[in-house]
Structure formats: C-alpha cells, structure tokens
N, C-alpha and C. Protein backbone atom coordinates (compact mmCIF):
# COMPACT_ATOMS: atom_id res chain seq x y z
N UNK A 1 -33.14 -37.74 14.43
CA UNK A 1 -32.40 -38.90 14.03
C UNK A 1 -31.24 -39.08 15.01
N UNK A 2 -31.04 -40.32 15.42
CA UNK A 2 -29.96 -40.63 16.36
C UNK A 2 -28.86 -41.37 15.60
N UNK A 3 -27.61 -40.96 15.80
CA UNK A 3 -26.47 -41.60 15.16
C UNK A 3 -25.55 -42.16 16.24
N UNK A 4 -25.16 -43.41 16.09
CA UNK A 4 -24.25 -44.05 17.02
C UNK A 4 -22.97 -44.42 16.28
N UNK A 5 -21.85 -43.91 16.79
CA UNK A 5 -20.57 -44.29 16.21
C UNK A 5 -20.18 -45.65 16.75
N UNK A 6 -19.57 -46.46 15.90
CA UNK A 6 -19.10 -47.77 16.31
C UNK A 6 -17.63 -47.68 16.71
N UNK A 7 -17.04 -48.80 17.08
CA UNK A 7 -15.63 -48.80 17.47
C UNK A 7 -14.71 -48.52 16.27
N UNK A 8 -15.26 -48.60 15.05
CA UNK A 8 -14.47 -48.29 13.85
C UNK A 8 -14.97 -46.96 13.30
N UNK A 9 -14.12 -45.92 13.33
CA UNK A 9 -14.54 -44.60 12.84
C UNK A 9 -15.09 -44.66 11.41
N UNK A 10 -16.20 -43.95 11.21
CA UNK A 10 -16.82 -43.88 9.89
C UNK A 10 -17.93 -44.88 9.68
N UNK A 11 -17.96 -45.96 10.46
CA UNK A 11 -19.03 -46.95 10.39
C UNK A 11 -20.09 -46.52 11.41
N UNK A 12 -21.30 -46.22 10.91
CA UNK A 12 -22.32 -45.59 11.75
C UNK A 12 -23.61 -46.40 11.80
N UNK A 13 -24.25 -46.38 12.96
CA UNK A 13 -25.60 -46.92 13.14
C UNK A 13 -26.54 -45.73 13.21
N UNK A 14 -27.58 -45.76 12.40
CA UNK A 14 -28.50 -44.63 12.31
C UNK A 14 -29.90 -45.09 12.68
N UNK A 15 -30.50 -44.39 13.62
CA UNK A 15 -31.90 -44.62 14.00
C UNK A 15 -32.71 -43.44 13.47
N UNK A 16 -33.39 -43.61 12.32
CA UNK A 16 -34.16 -42.50 11.76
C UNK A 16 -35.33 -42.11 12.66
N UNK A 17 -35.78 -40.88 12.51
CA UNK A 17 -36.98 -40.44 13.21
C UNK A 17 -38.19 -41.12 12.57
N UNK A 18 -39.00 -41.75 13.39
CA UNK A 18 -40.21 -42.44 12.91
C UNK A 18 -41.41 -41.73 13.52
N UNK A 19 -42.31 -41.29 12.66
CA UNK A 19 -43.50 -40.57 13.10
C UNK A 19 -44.70 -41.48 12.90
N UNK A 20 -45.25 -41.97 14.02
CA UNK A 20 -46.34 -42.91 13.93
C UNK A 20 -47.62 -42.42 14.58
N UNK A 21 -48.71 -42.96 14.13
CA UNK A 21 -50.01 -42.73 14.75
C UNK A 21 -50.88 -43.97 14.48
N UNK A 22 -52.18 -43.84 14.68
CA UNK A 22 -53.08 -44.98 14.54
C UNK A 22 -53.12 -45.55 13.12
N UNK A 23 -52.64 -44.80 12.13
CA UNK A 23 -52.65 -45.27 10.74
C UNK A 23 -51.41 -46.08 10.39
N UNK A 24 -50.34 -45.87 11.15
CA UNK A 24 -49.07 -46.51 10.81
C UNK A 24 -47.93 -45.57 11.12
N UNK A 25 -47.00 -45.41 10.18
CA UNK A 25 -45.86 -44.53 10.43
C UNK A 25 -45.35 -43.93 9.13
N UNK A 26 -44.52 -42.88 9.29
CA UNK A 26 -43.80 -42.25 8.20
C UNK A 26 -42.38 -42.01 8.68
N UNK A 27 -41.41 -42.20 7.78
CA UNK A 27 -40.03 -41.86 8.09
C UNK A 27 -39.27 -41.54 6.81
N UNK A 28 -38.31 -40.64 6.93
CA UNK A 28 -37.39 -40.39 5.82
C UNK A 28 -36.33 -41.48 5.87
N UNK A 29 -36.14 -42.19 4.77
CA UNK A 29 -35.09 -43.20 4.72
C UNK A 29 -33.77 -42.62 4.21
N UNK A 30 -33.84 -41.45 3.58
CA UNK A 30 -32.63 -40.77 3.15
C UNK A 30 -32.96 -39.32 2.80
N UNK A 31 -32.09 -38.43 3.25
CA UNK A 31 -32.18 -37.01 2.93
C UNK A 31 -30.73 -36.54 2.80
N UNK A 32 -30.32 -36.23 1.59
CA UNK A 32 -28.91 -35.92 1.32
C UNK A 32 -28.35 -34.86 2.26
N UNK A 33 -29.06 -33.77 2.47
CA UNK A 33 -28.56 -32.69 3.33
C UNK A 33 -28.38 -33.17 4.77
N UNK A 34 -29.36 -33.89 5.30
CA UNK A 34 -29.26 -34.37 6.69
C UNK A 34 -28.13 -35.38 6.85
N UNK A 35 -27.99 -36.27 5.88
CA UNK A 35 -26.94 -37.28 5.99
C UNK A 35 -25.56 -36.67 5.82
N UNK A 36 -25.46 -35.61 5.03
CA UNK A 36 -24.19 -34.90 4.89
C UNK A 36 -23.79 -34.30 6.22
N UNK A 37 -24.75 -33.78 6.98
CA UNK A 37 -24.47 -33.24 8.32
C UNK A 37 -23.93 -34.33 9.25
N UNK A 38 -24.31 -35.58 9.00
CA UNK A 38 -23.84 -36.70 9.81
C UNK A 38 -22.44 -37.16 9.40
N UNK A 39 -21.93 -36.59 8.31
CA UNK A 39 -20.63 -37.01 7.80
C UNK A 39 -20.72 -38.00 6.66
N UNK A 40 -21.93 -38.28 6.20
CA UNK A 40 -22.12 -39.19 5.08
C UNK A 40 -22.27 -38.33 3.83
N UNK A 41 -21.12 -37.96 3.28
CA UNK A 41 -21.08 -37.06 2.13
C UNK A 41 -20.70 -37.86 0.89
N UNK A 42 -21.60 -38.73 0.47
CA UNK A 42 -21.39 -39.55 -0.72
C UNK A 42 -22.55 -39.34 -1.68
N UNK A 43 -22.32 -39.62 -2.93
CA UNK A 43 -23.36 -39.48 -3.95
C UNK A 43 -23.87 -40.89 -4.29
N UNK A 44 -25.00 -41.25 -3.71
CA UNK A 44 -25.55 -42.57 -4.00
C UNK A 44 -26.07 -42.61 -5.44
N UNK A 45 -25.76 -43.72 -6.14
CA UNK A 45 -26.11 -43.83 -7.56
C UNK A 45 -26.98 -45.04 -7.88
N UNK A 46 -27.15 -45.94 -6.92
CA UNK A 46 -27.90 -47.17 -7.20
C UNK A 46 -28.54 -47.67 -5.92
N UNK A 47 -29.78 -48.12 -6.02
CA UNK A 47 -30.47 -48.77 -4.91
C UNK A 47 -30.62 -50.25 -5.25
N UNK A 48 -30.37 -51.11 -4.26
CA UNK A 48 -30.46 -52.56 -4.45
C UNK A 48 -31.36 -53.16 -3.38
N UNK A 49 -31.92 -54.32 -3.70
CA UNK A 49 -32.71 -55.06 -2.73
C UNK A 49 -32.44 -56.54 -2.92
N UNK A 50 -32.29 -57.25 -1.82
CA UNK A 50 -32.19 -58.70 -1.90
C UNK A 50 -33.30 -59.31 -1.06
N UNK A 51 -33.68 -60.52 -1.43
CA UNK A 51 -34.68 -61.28 -0.69
C UNK A 51 -34.07 -62.63 -0.33
N UNK A 52 -34.20 -63.00 0.93
CA UNK A 52 -33.72 -64.31 1.40
C UNK A 52 -34.91 -65.03 2.02
N UNK A 53 -35.25 -66.18 1.46
CA UNK A 53 -36.44 -66.91 1.89
C UNK A 53 -36.24 -67.63 3.22
N UNK A 54 -35.00 -67.97 3.54
CA UNK A 54 -34.77 -68.87 4.67
C UNK A 54 -33.92 -68.24 5.76
N UNK A 55 -34.34 -68.46 7.00
CA UNK A 55 -33.53 -68.08 8.16
C UNK A 55 -32.19 -68.80 8.07
N UNK A 56 -31.13 -68.11 8.43
CA UNK A 56 -29.80 -68.72 8.38
C UNK A 56 -29.07 -68.49 7.07
N UNK A 57 -29.67 -67.71 6.18
CA UNK A 57 -28.99 -67.35 4.94
C UNK A 57 -27.89 -66.35 5.26
N UNK A 58 -26.69 -66.63 4.79
CA UNK A 58 -25.56 -65.76 5.06
C UNK A 58 -25.00 -65.28 3.72
N UNK A 59 -24.98 -63.96 3.56
CA UNK A 59 -24.46 -63.33 2.35
C UNK A 59 -23.23 -62.51 2.73
N UNK A 60 -22.10 -62.85 2.13
CA UNK A 60 -20.89 -62.09 2.41
C UNK A 60 -19.73 -62.98 2.76
N UNK A 61 -18.68 -62.36 2.93
CA UNK A 61 -18.38 -60.94 3.12
C UNK A 61 -17.85 -60.36 1.80
N UNK A 62 -18.47 -59.31 1.28
CA UNK A 62 -18.21 -58.81 -0.07
C UNK A 62 -17.76 -57.35 -0.08
N UNK A 63 -17.10 -56.97 -1.18
CA UNK A 63 -16.75 -55.58 -1.47
C UNK A 63 -16.42 -55.47 -2.96
N UNK A 64 -16.24 -54.25 -3.40
CA UNK A 64 -15.71 -53.98 -4.73
C UNK A 64 -14.41 -53.20 -4.58
N UNK A 65 -13.37 -53.64 -5.30
CA UNK A 65 -12.09 -52.95 -5.27
C UNK A 65 -12.18 -51.59 -5.96
N UNK A 66 -11.22 -50.71 -5.61
CA UNK A 66 -11.07 -49.45 -6.33
C UNK A 66 -10.73 -49.76 -7.79
N UNK A 67 -11.17 -48.98 -8.74
CA UNK A 67 -11.83 -47.69 -8.60
C UNK A 67 -13.36 -47.79 -8.50
N UNK A 68 -13.90 -48.98 -8.30
CA UNK A 68 -15.35 -49.16 -8.23
C UNK A 68 -15.83 -49.45 -6.81
N UNK A 69 -15.04 -49.05 -5.81
CA UNK A 69 -15.40 -49.27 -4.41
C UNK A 69 -16.76 -48.65 -4.10
N UNK A 70 -17.44 -49.23 -3.12
CA UNK A 70 -18.79 -48.76 -2.78
C UNK A 70 -18.91 -48.48 -1.28
N UNK A 71 -19.47 -47.32 -0.96
CA UNK A 71 -20.03 -47.08 0.37
C UNK A 71 -21.45 -47.60 0.32
N UNK A 72 -21.96 -48.07 1.46
CA UNK A 72 -23.32 -48.63 1.49
C UNK A 72 -24.10 -48.06 2.67
N UNK A 73 -25.36 -47.77 2.43
CA UNK A 73 -26.32 -47.42 3.47
C UNK A 73 -27.37 -48.52 3.42
N UNK A 74 -27.38 -49.39 4.45
CA UNK A 74 -28.20 -50.60 4.39
C UNK A 74 -29.30 -50.59 5.45
N UNK A 75 -30.37 -51.33 5.15
CA UNK A 75 -31.47 -51.49 6.10
C UNK A 75 -32.22 -52.78 5.79
N UNK A 76 -32.97 -53.24 6.75
CA UNK A 76 -33.79 -54.43 6.60
C UNK A 76 -35.25 -54.00 6.71
N UNK A 77 -36.01 -54.16 5.64
CA UNK A 77 -37.39 -53.68 5.63
C UNK A 77 -38.42 -54.78 5.90
N UNK A 78 -37.97 -56.02 5.95
CA UNK A 78 -38.84 -57.13 6.31
C UNK A 78 -38.00 -58.21 6.97
N UNK A 79 -38.42 -58.66 8.15
CA UNK A 79 -37.64 -59.65 8.89
C UNK A 79 -36.53 -59.00 9.68
N UNK A 80 -35.44 -59.76 9.90
CA UNK A 80 -34.32 -59.22 10.67
C UNK A 80 -33.02 -59.90 10.26
N UNK A 81 -31.92 -59.15 10.43
CA UNK A 81 -30.59 -59.64 10.10
C UNK A 81 -29.59 -59.15 11.13
N UNK A 82 -28.45 -59.83 11.18
CA UNK A 82 -27.26 -59.27 11.79
C UNK A 82 -26.39 -58.83 10.64
N UNK A 83 -26.02 -57.56 10.63
CA UNK A 83 -25.23 -56.98 9.56
C UNK A 83 -23.82 -56.73 10.07
N UNK A 84 -22.82 -57.01 9.22
CA UNK A 84 -21.42 -56.96 9.64
C UNK A 84 -20.60 -56.14 8.65
N UNK A 85 -19.71 -55.31 9.18
CA UNK A 85 -18.72 -54.58 8.39
C UNK A 85 -17.34 -54.93 8.92
N UNK A 86 -16.41 -55.26 7.99
CA UNK A 86 -15.04 -55.63 8.34
C UNK A 86 -14.09 -54.63 7.69
N UNK A 87 -13.21 -54.04 8.49
CA UNK A 87 -12.21 -53.10 7.97
C UNK A 87 -11.14 -53.88 7.20
N UNK A 88 -11.05 -53.62 5.89
CA UNK A 88 -10.06 -54.31 5.06
C UNK A 88 -9.07 -53.32 4.43
N UNK A 89 -8.92 -52.15 5.06
CA UNK A 89 -7.98 -51.13 4.58
C UNK A 89 -6.59 -51.42 5.15
N UNK A 90 -5.67 -51.81 4.28
CA UNK A 90 -4.32 -52.14 4.72
C UNK A 90 -3.69 -50.92 5.40
N UNK A 91 -3.11 -51.15 6.58
CA UNK A 91 -2.49 -50.07 7.34
C UNK A 91 -3.43 -49.41 8.33
N UNK A 92 -4.69 -49.76 8.31
CA UNK A 92 -5.65 -49.17 9.25
C UNK A 92 -5.40 -49.69 10.66
N UNK A 93 -5.56 -48.83 11.69
CA UNK A 93 -5.41 -49.31 13.06
C UNK A 93 -6.47 -50.34 13.44
N UNK A 94 -7.56 -50.44 12.66
CA UNK A 94 -8.60 -51.43 12.95
C UNK A 94 -8.70 -52.48 11.84
N UNK A 95 -7.60 -52.66 11.07
CA UNK A 95 -7.58 -53.64 9.99
C UNK A 95 -7.97 -55.03 10.51
N UNK A 96 -8.91 -55.66 9.81
CA UNK A 96 -9.37 -57.00 10.18
C UNK A 96 -10.40 -57.03 11.29
N UNK A 97 -10.68 -55.89 11.90
CA UNK A 97 -11.70 -55.84 12.96
C UNK A 97 -13.08 -55.67 12.33
N UNK A 98 -14.10 -56.07 13.07
CA UNK A 98 -15.46 -56.02 12.56
C UNK A 98 -16.41 -55.44 13.60
N UNK A 99 -17.51 -54.91 13.10
CA UNK A 99 -18.60 -54.44 13.93
C UNK A 99 -19.89 -55.00 13.35
N UNK A 100 -20.88 -55.15 14.22
CA UNK A 100 -22.16 -55.68 13.76
C UNK A 100 -23.31 -54.94 14.43
N UNK A 101 -24.47 -55.05 13.80
CA UNK A 101 -25.69 -54.46 14.33
C UNK A 101 -26.87 -55.28 13.85
N UNK A 102 -27.90 -55.37 14.70
CA UNK A 102 -29.14 -56.01 14.24
C UNK A 102 -29.98 -54.96 13.53
N UNK A 103 -30.41 -55.30 12.34
CA UNK A 103 -31.31 -54.47 11.55
C UNK A 103 -32.60 -55.24 11.37
N UNK A 104 -33.74 -54.55 11.54
CA UNK A 104 -35.01 -55.25 11.40
C UNK A 104 -36.10 -54.29 10.96
N UNK A 105 -37.21 -54.88 10.52
CA UNK A 105 -38.36 -54.04 10.18
C UNK A 105 -38.89 -53.35 11.43
N UNK A 106 -38.68 -53.93 12.60
CA UNK A 106 -39.16 -53.32 13.84
C UNK A 106 -38.31 -52.12 14.26
N UNK A 107 -36.97 -52.29 14.27
CA UNK A 107 -36.14 -51.19 14.77
C UNK A 107 -35.83 -50.14 13.70
N UNK A 108 -36.03 -50.46 12.43
CA UNK A 108 -35.89 -49.52 11.32
C UNK A 108 -34.51 -48.87 11.23
N UNK A 109 -33.52 -49.50 11.86
CA UNK A 109 -32.16 -48.96 11.85
C UNK A 109 -31.54 -49.04 10.46
N UNK A 110 -30.54 -48.18 10.28
CA UNK A 110 -29.69 -48.21 9.09
C UNK A 110 -28.24 -48.36 9.55
N UNK A 111 -27.43 -48.86 8.65
CA UNK A 111 -26.01 -49.07 8.93
C UNK A 111 -25.25 -48.45 7.76
N UNK A 112 -24.34 -47.52 8.06
CA UNK A 112 -23.53 -46.92 7.00
C UNK A 112 -22.14 -47.54 7.03
N UNK A 113 -21.73 -48.06 5.87
CA UNK A 113 -20.45 -48.73 5.72
C UNK A 113 -19.67 -48.00 4.63
N UNK A 114 -18.57 -47.33 4.99
CA UNK A 114 -17.81 -46.60 3.98
C UNK A 114 -17.03 -47.54 3.05
N UNK A 115 -16.46 -46.96 2.01
CA UNK A 115 -15.56 -47.72 1.14
C UNK A 115 -14.39 -48.24 1.97
N UNK A 116 -13.88 -49.40 1.58
CA UNK A 116 -12.76 -49.98 2.30
C UNK A 116 -13.16 -51.03 3.32
N UNK A 117 -14.42 -51.46 3.24
CA UNK A 117 -14.93 -52.45 4.19
C UNK A 117 -15.60 -53.61 3.45
N UNK A 118 -15.41 -54.81 3.97
CA UNK A 118 -16.18 -55.96 3.50
C UNK A 118 -17.51 -55.94 4.25
N UNK A 119 -18.54 -56.44 3.61
CA UNK A 119 -19.89 -56.38 4.17
C UNK A 119 -20.60 -57.72 4.00
N UNK A 120 -21.38 -58.07 5.01
CA UNK A 120 -22.19 -59.27 4.92
C UNK A 120 -23.30 -59.25 5.95
N UNK A 121 -24.26 -60.18 5.78
CA UNK A 121 -25.33 -60.27 6.77
C UNK A 121 -25.86 -61.69 6.87
N UNK A 122 -26.44 -61.97 8.03
CA UNK A 122 -27.06 -63.26 8.34
C UNK A 122 -28.52 -63.02 8.65
N UNK A 123 -29.41 -63.76 7.98
CA UNK A 123 -30.84 -63.59 8.24
C UNK A 123 -31.22 -64.30 9.54
N UNK A 124 -31.97 -63.61 10.36
CA UNK A 124 -32.44 -64.15 11.64
C UNK A 124 -33.89 -64.62 11.56
N UNK A 125 -34.49 -64.44 10.39
CA UNK A 125 -35.88 -64.85 10.19
C UNK A 125 -36.04 -65.31 8.74
N UNK A 126 -37.16 -65.92 8.44
CA UNK A 126 -37.50 -66.25 7.06
C UNK A 126 -37.98 -64.98 6.35
N UNK A 127 -37.97 -65.01 5.04
CA UNK A 127 -38.56 -63.95 4.20
C UNK A 127 -38.02 -62.56 4.52
N UNK A 128 -36.71 -62.42 4.35
CA UNK A 128 -36.04 -61.16 4.65
C UNK A 128 -35.88 -60.32 3.38
N UNK A 129 -36.28 -59.05 3.48
CA UNK A 129 -36.00 -58.06 2.44
C UNK A 129 -34.93 -57.12 2.98
N UNK A 130 -33.86 -56.98 2.21
CA UNK A 130 -32.70 -56.19 2.62
C UNK A 130 -32.43 -55.17 1.53
N UNK A 131 -32.30 -53.90 1.92
CA UNK A 131 -32.11 -52.82 0.94
C UNK A 131 -30.82 -52.09 1.21
N UNK A 132 -30.21 -51.66 0.12
CA UNK A 132 -29.00 -50.85 0.29
C UNK A 132 -28.80 -49.88 -0.86
N UNK A 133 -28.31 -48.70 -0.47
CA UNK A 133 -27.91 -47.65 -1.40
C UNK A 133 -26.40 -47.75 -1.53
N UNK A 134 -25.90 -47.55 -2.75
CA UNK A 134 -24.46 -47.59 -2.98
C UNK A 134 -24.02 -46.37 -3.78
N UNK A 135 -22.77 -45.99 -3.62
CA UNK A 135 -22.26 -44.80 -4.29
C UNK A 135 -21.41 -45.12 -5.51
N UNK A 136 -21.46 -46.35 -5.98
CA UNK A 136 -20.81 -46.74 -7.22
C UNK A 136 -21.59 -47.89 -7.82
N UNK A 137 -21.58 -47.99 -9.13
CA UNK A 137 -22.33 -49.03 -9.80
C UNK A 137 -21.67 -50.40 -9.62
N UNK A 138 -22.47 -51.46 -9.75
CA UNK A 138 -21.93 -52.81 -9.65
C UNK A 138 -20.95 -53.06 -10.78
N UNK A 139 -19.82 -53.70 -10.45
CA UNK A 139 -18.82 -54.07 -11.43
C UNK A 139 -18.34 -55.48 -11.13
N UNK A 140 -18.71 -56.42 -11.97
CA UNK A 140 -18.31 -57.82 -11.78
C UNK A 140 -16.79 -57.94 -11.74
N UNK A 141 -16.10 -57.14 -12.56
CA UNK A 141 -14.64 -57.17 -12.62
C UNK A 141 -13.99 -56.81 -11.29
N UNK A 142 -14.64 -55.96 -10.49
CA UNK A 142 -14.07 -55.47 -9.23
C UNK A 142 -14.67 -56.16 -8.00
N UNK A 143 -15.63 -57.04 -8.21
CA UNK A 143 -16.33 -57.74 -7.13
C UNK A 143 -15.38 -58.73 -6.44
N UNK A 144 -15.31 -58.66 -5.11
CA UNK A 144 -14.42 -59.53 -4.34
C UNK A 144 -15.15 -60.01 -3.08
N UNK A 145 -14.54 -60.98 -2.41
CA UNK A 145 -15.11 -61.46 -1.16
C UNK A 145 -14.13 -62.32 -0.38
N UNK A 146 -14.45 -62.50 0.89
CA UNK A 146 -13.71 -63.43 1.75
C UNK A 146 -14.72 -64.33 2.43
N UNK A 147 -14.20 -65.41 2.99
CA UNK A 147 -15.06 -66.38 3.68
C UNK A 147 -15.73 -65.74 4.91
N UNK A 148 -16.96 -66.11 5.12
CA UNK A 148 -17.68 -65.61 6.30
C UNK A 148 -17.01 -66.09 7.58
N UNK A 149 -16.36 -67.27 7.51
CA UNK A 149 -15.75 -67.86 8.71
C UNK A 149 -14.23 -67.74 8.70
N UNK A 150 -13.71 -66.70 8.07
CA UNK A 150 -12.27 -66.44 8.04
C UNK A 150 -11.75 -66.39 9.48
N UNK A 151 -10.83 -67.29 9.85
CA UNK A 151 -10.36 -67.32 11.25
C UNK A 151 -9.53 -66.10 11.64
N UNK A 152 -8.97 -65.38 10.66
CA UNK A 152 -8.20 -64.18 11.01
C UNK A 152 -9.11 -63.01 11.33
N UNK A 153 -10.31 -63.00 10.77
CA UNK A 153 -11.29 -61.95 11.06
C UNK A 153 -12.13 -62.37 12.26
N UNK A 154 -12.55 -63.63 12.27
CA UNK A 154 -13.23 -64.24 13.42
C UNK A 154 -14.55 -63.56 13.80
N UNK A 155 -15.41 -63.32 12.80
CA UNK A 155 -16.75 -62.81 13.09
C UNK A 155 -17.48 -63.89 13.90
N UNK A 156 -18.15 -63.50 14.96
CA UNK A 156 -18.85 -64.45 15.83
C UNK A 156 -20.24 -64.78 15.28
N UNK A 157 -20.26 -65.57 14.21
CA UNK A 157 -21.54 -66.02 13.65
C UNK A 157 -22.10 -67.19 14.47
N UNK A 158 -21.23 -67.94 15.12
CA UNK A 158 -21.60 -69.20 15.77
C UNK A 158 -22.80 -69.12 16.69
N UNK A 159 -22.80 -68.17 17.60
CA UNK A 159 -23.91 -68.06 18.53
C UNK A 159 -25.20 -67.67 17.81
N UNK A 160 -25.06 -66.97 16.70
CA UNK A 160 -26.23 -66.56 15.94
C UNK A 160 -26.81 -67.72 15.13
N UNK A 161 -25.93 -68.60 14.67
CA UNK A 161 -26.38 -69.74 13.87
C UNK A 161 -26.97 -70.86 14.73
N UNK A 162 -26.67 -70.86 16.02
CA UNK A 162 -27.19 -71.88 16.95
C UNK A 162 -26.99 -73.30 16.44
N UNK A 163 -25.79 -73.56 15.89
CA UNK A 163 -25.45 -74.91 15.47
C UNK A 163 -25.96 -75.33 14.10
N UNK A 164 -26.71 -74.47 13.41
CA UNK A 164 -27.17 -74.84 12.07
C UNK A 164 -26.14 -74.40 11.04
N UNK A 165 -26.11 -75.10 9.92
CA UNK A 165 -25.21 -74.71 8.84
C UNK A 165 -25.83 -73.54 8.09
N UNK A 166 -25.03 -72.51 7.80
CA UNK A 166 -25.59 -71.37 7.07
C UNK A 166 -25.92 -71.75 5.63
N UNK A 167 -26.89 -71.06 5.08
CA UNK A 167 -27.25 -71.21 3.67
C UNK A 167 -26.34 -70.24 2.90
N UNK A 168 -25.46 -70.79 2.04
CA UNK A 168 -24.44 -70.00 1.37
C UNK A 168 -24.50 -70.18 -0.14
N UNK A 169 -24.06 -69.17 -0.87
CA UNK A 169 -23.85 -69.31 -2.31
C UNK A 169 -22.55 -70.07 -2.53
N UNK A 170 -22.36 -70.60 -3.75
CA UNK A 170 -21.09 -71.26 -4.07
C UNK A 170 -19.93 -70.29 -3.91
N UNK A 171 -20.13 -69.05 -4.34
CA UNK A 171 -19.09 -68.02 -4.22
C UNK A 171 -18.67 -67.86 -2.76
N UNK A 172 -19.64 -67.80 -1.85
CA UNK A 172 -19.32 -67.58 -0.44
C UNK A 172 -18.73 -68.84 0.21
N UNK A 173 -19.12 -70.02 -0.26
CA UNK A 173 -18.55 -71.27 0.27
C UNK A 173 -17.07 -71.38 -0.05
N UNK A 174 -16.69 -70.86 -1.20
CA UNK A 174 -15.33 -71.06 -1.71
C UNK A 174 -14.46 -69.81 -1.63
N UNK A 175 -14.83 -68.86 -0.78
CA UNK A 175 -14.07 -67.63 -0.67
C UNK A 175 -12.70 -67.82 -0.05
N UNK A 176 -11.87 -66.82 -0.22
CA UNK A 176 -10.53 -66.81 0.36
C UNK A 176 -10.58 -66.23 1.76
N UNK A 177 -9.47 -66.31 2.47
CA UNK A 177 -9.33 -65.59 3.74
C UNK A 177 -8.72 -64.22 3.43
N UNK A 178 -8.87 -63.29 4.33
CA UNK A 178 -8.46 -61.91 4.10
C UNK A 178 -6.99 -61.80 3.71
N UNK A 179 -6.12 -62.57 4.35
CA UNK A 179 -4.69 -62.47 4.07
C UNK A 179 -4.34 -62.94 2.65
N UNK A 180 -5.23 -63.68 2.00
CA UNK A 180 -4.99 -64.15 0.64
C UNK A 180 -5.82 -63.40 -0.40
N UNK A 181 -6.72 -62.56 0.05
CA UNK A 181 -7.67 -61.90 -0.85
C UNK A 181 -7.02 -60.77 -1.65
N UNK A 182 -7.57 -60.56 -2.83
CA UNK A 182 -7.15 -59.45 -3.69
C UNK A 182 -7.92 -58.21 -3.25
N UNK A 183 -7.29 -57.45 -2.37
CA UNK A 183 -7.92 -56.25 -1.83
C UNK A 183 -6.96 -55.09 -2.02
N UNK A 184 -7.44 -54.00 -2.65
CA UNK A 184 -6.52 -52.90 -2.94
C UNK A 184 -6.78 -51.63 -2.12
N UNK A 185 -7.40 -51.77 -0.96
CA UNK A 185 -7.66 -50.60 -0.12
C UNK A 185 -6.47 -50.29 0.77
N UNK A 186 -6.07 -49.04 0.80
CA UNK A 186 -4.98 -48.56 1.65
C UNK A 186 -5.58 -47.50 2.58
N UNK A 187 -5.30 -47.63 3.86
CA UNK A 187 -5.79 -46.67 4.86
C UNK A 187 -5.19 -45.30 4.62
N UNK A 188 -6.05 -44.28 4.56
CA UNK A 188 -5.61 -42.90 4.32
C UNK A 188 -6.10 -41.97 5.44
N UNK A 189 -6.44 -42.55 6.57
CA UNK A 189 -7.01 -41.77 7.66
C UNK A 189 -8.49 -42.05 7.77
N UNK A 190 -9.06 -41.73 8.91
CA UNK A 190 -10.48 -42.00 9.14
C UNK A 190 -11.36 -41.22 8.18
N UNK A 191 -12.47 -41.88 7.78
CA UNK A 191 -13.48 -41.31 6.87
C UNK A 191 -12.91 -40.98 5.50
N UNK A 192 -11.91 -41.71 5.06
CA UNK A 192 -11.34 -41.50 3.73
C UNK A 192 -11.39 -42.79 2.94
C-alpha cells in the first residue's frame, strides 16, 4: 500500500495494493492494523454510500461539529470524482486551505480526512457511487456546511466544471462562508 501525505498534515491519499489476474482483482479496502500503522488510529462505526446520477453533481462542503465530529475514509467505486478537504480548525497554520484528489473506480484510491475538516466532492462522470467510513454516527444537530464557492476558501472548482452550473442541494446552494459558519474546531497540533 502506498501512502501520500498532502500539504496538510494528517490528510492522506492511499493507494491500496490491488492484486489482479485474468479473472479481475482483489484488494483490501480496510484493515484496522495496517491503517493504524499509517497513523489512521480511529474506530470506524458507520459505512455510507451515496449515488449521483449526473456529472457535475457537487456535494459539500460538510462536517459535523464536536462532540460528533467525523474522520472519513472515502473512495469512489463507480465513476470518478474530485474530492476536497478544507482545514477548518481555528488556529491551524493551514486554516482555510484545501487539498484535493481524483478518486475513481480505475485508480481505486482512498482519501483520509481527519476530524476538523470540511469535505466535499464533484462528480466527473454520470452514475457515481461514493463510499465512506466514518468514526462517529450521523447527527443532524451537529451537521454543518459552507458554500462550495466560498471566496475565502477559493476551491478551484471552475476548471473542473468547464462552465456548467453544478448540480446542488438546497442546503449547499444556501450555505454560509467559512468566516460566518458555526464551526467549533480548535487546532491542537497535527493529527489531533
């Protein structure tokens, strides 16, 4: 398994080992002991899957506030997406910065996003299946988000959208910007 650190400590790109032959392939999508060796020492409690029928669907940028914050291990098992993590930990040296990675059924990559980050993705194809493991249960009371086009965060969706309007939920259309958002994460050092 290959792990690539991003410019934001704790946010990791993972290329699992894929064993293929004339029948197809096999890969471990998660192994607690191996992932702990990578520094991913969380107890995942829920697996989620979303389906997006249309290219250009944009979901995010979302998080859950403490005490229901979630780390996420995400992957795209059908189609392709650009996945984004934004550091929203107040006091962090990378506060408001973002990193992205392409996830697809072809590259089989995973993206680990620790607690304290907003998360979102843009579908690059039709009929996208997106899966994620989380280390805390969903809580509507703690669910938060910011606009995908927040000018203070400035995620570069434009070149990816190629001039088309993204397909958004009402929640995502009407989100706040980071400076106005109810976010209770405080930076406590890397990987915390």
